[in-house]
Amino acid sequence: MEQKLRQEVKALLEQKGVDWIIGFAPGSLKFTTTPLITKDKNDAERLVINPFIVNNLAKFLTEIKGRVGIVAKGCDSRSIVSLIQDNKVVREDVVILAVPCPGLIDLAKVERLVGKDRDELDDITREGGRVIIKVDGKKREFPATRVLFDHCLACEL
């Protein structure tokens, strides 16, 4: 899915379908992402989709002039629609790059469950309805519902 998104973004920028792309890039902290706002087609390779894309990127739409491609989860698309309805964003200036949201991992919940700080965790992966946390070389599994943000459970339905 990430590769497909990267190809689409690169094509949009190359073909001048958009002036800007707003998406997610790896964060400076472990298991985080940060907003990526770019005009550079080469930045498409930095785009990520993972269980840590917690930011709602719609807030940047009112700050950027020109035609914008935005990576949006289902819950974020509601914010984009509201901005359009409130005449804060022109619909024709927005290209929505929809990505599925199977629920986002709440790192604070993970840290409490395993009794470790995120920097001490080796890996966190989601496999269906389970989240696998690797710490000190050992795997621990939890039902996804125990580590997701509570508001994201609605996105899964």
Protein backbone atom coordinates (compact mmCIF):
# COMPACT_ATOMS: atom_id res chain seq x y z
CA MET A 1 0.00 0.00 0.00
CA GLU A 2 2.84 2.40 0.83
CA GLN A 3 4.46 1.74 -2.53
CA LYS A 4 1.21 2.43 -4.37
CA LEU A 5 0.77 5.70 -2.46
CA ARG A 6 4.34 6.75 -3.26
CA GLN A 7 3.82 6.06 -6.97
CA GLU A 8 0.55 8.02 -7.02
CA VAL A 9 2.12 10.99 -5.23
CA LYS A 10 5.13 11.02 -7.54
CA ALA A 11 2.85 10.91 -10.60
CA LEU A 12 0.64 13.72 -9.26
CA LEU A 13 3.66 15.96 -8.70
CA GLU A 14 5.34 15.07 -12.02
CA GLN A 15 2.16 15.65 -14.03
CA LYS A 16 1.40 18.89 -12.15
CA GLY A 17 -1.88 17.43 -10.87
CA VAL A 18 -1.06 19.09 -7.54
CA ASP A 19 1.34 21.76 -6.34
CA TRP A 20 1.78 20.30 -2.87
CA ILE A 21 1.54 16.95 -1.09
CA ILE A 22 0.68 16.57 2.57
CA GLY A 23 1.43 13.14 4.01
CA PHE A 24 3.23 11.26 6.75
CA ALA A 25 6.99 10.66 7.10
CA PRO A 26 8.87 8.74 9.80
CA GLY A 27 9.18 10.80 12.98
CA SER A 28 12.37 11.57 14.84
CA LEU A 29 11.19 9.44 17.77
CA LYS A 30 10.74 5.69 17.60
CA PHE A 31 7.24 4.56 16.54
CA THR A 32 6.10 8.03 15.48
CA THR A 33 5.36 9.89 12.29
CA THR A 34 5.52 13.54 11.39
CA PRO A 35 3.67 15.59 8.78
CA LEU A 36 5.45 15.84 5.44
CA ILE A 37 4.55 18.86 3.29
CA THR A 38 6.44 18.95 0.02
CA LYS A 39 6.56 19.96 -3.63
CA ASP A 40 9.48 17.62 -4.33
CA LYS A 41 8.55 14.39 -6.14
CA ASN A 42 11.60 12.68 -4.62
CA ASP A 43 10.07 13.12 -1.15
CA ALA A 44 7.40 10.60 -2.17
CA GLU A 45 9.84 7.87 -1.11
CA ARG A 46 9.66 9.17 2.47
CA LEU A 47 5.89 8.68 2.76
CA VAL A 48 4.69 6.05 5.23
CA ILE A 49 1.42 4.43 6.21
CA ASN A 50 1.53 2.60 9.51
CA PRO A 51 -0.35 2.27 12.82
CA PHE A 52 1.33 5.47 14.07
CA ILE A 53 -0.14 8.02 11.61
CA VAL A 54 -2.08 9.77 14.36
CA ASN A 55 -1.99 13.37 13.09
CA ASN A 56 -4.97 14.85 11.29
CA LEU A 57 -3.31 16.51 8.32
CA ALA A 58 -6.45 18.43 7.32
CA LYS A 59 -5.39 21.33 9.54
CA PHE A 60 -2.65 22.20 7.04
CA LEU A 61 -5.08 22.68 4.14
CA THR A 62 -6.00 26.21 5.24
CA GLU A 63 -2.34 27.25 5.32
CA ILE A 64 -1.22 26.09 1.87
CA LYS A 65 -2.04 27.90 -1.34
CA GLY A 66 -2.52 26.04 -4.60
CA ARG A 67 -3.75 22.58 -5.47
CA VAL A 68 -2.98 20.11 -2.67
CA GLY A 69 -2.88 16.32 -2.50
CA ILE A 70 -3.52 15.11 1.02
CA VAL A 71 -3.16 11.65 2.55
CA ALA A 72 -6.31 11.11 4.61
CA LYS A 73 -7.64 8.40 6.88
CA GLY A 74 -11.41 8.01 7.05
CA CYS A 75 -11.71 10.07 10.23
CA ASP A 76 -9.57 12.83 8.67
CA SER A 77 -11.77 13.00 5.59
CA ARG A 78 -14.61 14.24 7.79
CA SER A 79 -12.44 17.22 8.74
CA ILE A 80 -11.68 17.91 5.08
CA VAL A 81 -15.40 17.86 4.24
CA SER A 82 -16.07 20.30 7.09
CA LEU A 83 -13.39 22.67 5.83
CA ILE A 84 -14.95 22.58 2.37
CA GLN A 85 -18.48 23.11 3.73
CA ASP A 86 -17.28 26.05 5.83
CA ASN A 87 -15.67 27.59 2.71
CA LYS A 88 -12.21 27.47 4.26
CA VAL A 89 -10.93 25.22 1.46
CA VAL A 90 -11.96 25.10 -2.20
CA ARG A 91 -12.98 21.55 -3.17
CA GLU A 92 -11.36 21.78 -6.61
CA ASP A 93 -8.02 22.54 -4.94
CA VAL A 94 -7.94 19.29 -2.94
CA VAL A 95 -7.01 15.80 -4.13
CA ILE A 96 -7.73 13.28 -1.39
CA LEU A 97 -5.44 10.26 -1.26
CA ALA A 98 -7.50 7.95 0.93
CA VAL A 99 -5.77 5.35 3.07
CA PRO A 100 -7.50 2.78 5.27
CA CYS A 101 -7.34 3.10 9.03
CA PRO A 102 -7.55 -0.23 10.83
CA GLY A 103 -6.93 1.60 14.12
CA LEU A 104 -3.95 3.54 15.42
CA ILE A 105 -1.66 2.30 18.17
CA ASP A 106 -1.59 4.35 21.36
CA LEU A 107 2.04 4.23 22.52
CA ALA A 108 1.10 5.29 26.05
CA LYS A 109 -1.10 2.18 26.33
CA VAL A 110 1.70 0.00 24.95
CA GLU A 111 4.18 1.42 27.46
CA ARG A 112 1.77 0.75 30.35
CA LEU A 113 1.05 -2.81 29.19
CA VAL A 114 4.69 -3.85 28.93
CA GLY A 115 6.11 -1.58 31.64
CA LYS A 116 8.73 -0.16 29.31
CA ASP A 117 9.39 3.17 27.60
CA ARG A 118 9.07 3.29 23.80
CA ASP A 119 12.85 3.59 23.49
CA GLU A 120 13.19 0.21 25.19
CA LEU A 121 10.84 -1.53 22.73
CA ASP A 122 12.36 -3.44 19.83
CA ASP A 123 9.34 -3.53 17.53
CA ILE A 124 5.56 -3.11 17.36
CA THR A 125 3.56 -4.76 14.59
CA ARG A 126 -0.10 -5.27 13.90
CA GLU A 127 -1.33 -8.59 12.57
CA GLY A 128 -5.08 -8.58 12.16
CA GLY A 129 -6.73 -8.29 15.53
CA ARG A 130 -3.46 -8.67 17.45
CA VAL A 131 -0.57 -6.36 18.22
CA ILE A 132 2.82 -7.95 18.69
CA ILE A 133 5.29 -6.08 20.84
CA LYS A 134 8.88 -7.23 20.86
CA VAL A 135 10.82 -6.19 23.94
CA ASP A 136 14.12 -7.56 25.25
CA GLY A 137 14.09 -10.06 22.37
CA LYS A 138 10.76 -11.56 23.46
CA LYS A 139 7.40 -11.23 21.75
CA ARG A 140 4.27 -10.31 23.65
CA GLU A 141 0.86 -10.38 21.99
CA PHE A 142 -2.19 -8.33 22.91
CA PRO A 143 -5.64 -7.94 21.40
CA ALA A 144 -5.51 -4.82 19.20
CA THR A 145 -8.40 -3.30 21.14
CA ARG A 146 -6.15 -3.03 24.20
CA VAL A 147 -3.56 -0.82 22.48
CA LEU A 148 -5.55 1.26 19.99
CA PHE A 149 -6.66 4.82 20.57
CA ASP A 150 -10.22 4.61 21.84
CA HIS A 151 -11.60 6.96 19.18
CA CYS A 152 -10.09 4.82 16.41
CA LEU A 153 -12.23 1.85 17.30
CA ALA A 154 -15.07 3.60 15.46
CA CYS A 155 -12.93 3.72 12.31
CA GLU A 156 -12.64 -0.07 12.33
CA LEU A 157 -16.39 -0.73 12.18
